[in-house]
Amino acid sequence: MTYCVLYAVPFVDLFDGKGQYEMKQHNLLTGFALFLALNTFFFAAPVMSQRISDADVATHHIKAQAGDAQAQFLLGVMYEKGRGIAQDPVKAANWYRKAAQQDHIIAQLSLGNLYDKGLGVRQSYAEARTWYTKAAVLGNPEAMYFLGSMYYNGDGLEKDLKTALAWLQRSAEQNYPMANMAVAQVSAELAAQDAGSLALPPTTTSDKAPAAIAPTSETGDQAILPLSGYAVQVSSFKTEDQAHGHWQKLQKKKPGLFADTKAIIHKKEFESGRVFYRLNAALFPKNAEANKYCNTLKNQGVDCLVVKY
């Protein structure tokens, strides 16, 4: 039986930097910025309140033990997040697995996430991919994005841009945040490979970029974001090293744009525990200025989006 689950999804960095997914950026994904704050879940079943009583916990246990997949999933969330019950990632994985085996889509996604992170289970990209695939086949766009991220970054398997693109396109078709940006990036890399070179052709633009505001501090080639403003994000990754590596590639490909600038890397942590490193090219005080600069980059063949801080 397939469970249709509706949930609120905040801005997600998908390529989880597993390369560039936040493109992993797993900016292919905006990462596992799911729903994992109980007070923000919206299920077909009643919404779980933020305050969970002992009676509620007992009721969920009874239903879960009787085979109710939704109750099994909710227990998994409770154990993972320590809501109404002592936090126990091992028990969370066990309950997620029971629900996932009944085709509870979000339980499959959650179990894949635990394997991806090695939380409550032995870390395994193969197992993570198995559960992400099950959820993706059942139509979950976030799982599609994570799969694309894994294939893009070569997490536990050989890097495969074509397969990555196929999953990302399916995710984008369902309007998953960051998927369109990820599709554009992977498509460009594939086109460059087909042309026999990763270098982008030189382009010119008459647009004058607005002046960006200076970050509050700098460390090496990394600038630290101030508390507010509008950042022009060019990619997102699972690790800081991947973000730095991508920035260096951009500086070589587009010296006219980035040779004399520093990377602005912002560490973003989600409720689910996922961490992404957002790679930003510049920061502006006004949204209009940031969008103008982003359009300038796009005219030069560099994909981007504006993020408010």
Foldseek 3Di string as FASTA:
>chain_A
DAFDFDFDADQACCLCQLFFRVLLVCCLHSHPRDHLQQCGGDGPDDRDHQAAEPVNLVVLVVCVVVQDLVSLQVVLSCQCQVGNHDNANLSSLVSLVSSVVVNYLVSLQLNLVCLCVVTSHRNDPVSSLVSLVSSVVVPDLSSLSNNLSCLCSVPNHHNDLVSSLVSLVSSVVVVDRSSVLSNLVSVLCVVQVVVVHNADDFDDDPQDADDFDAAPDDDDLEGEHDPWFKFKFQTKNNDPVSLVVVLVVCCVRCVVQRVPHGWYWDWDAHSSGGIMITTTRGTHRDPVSSVSVQVVVVSRVGHTDMDTD
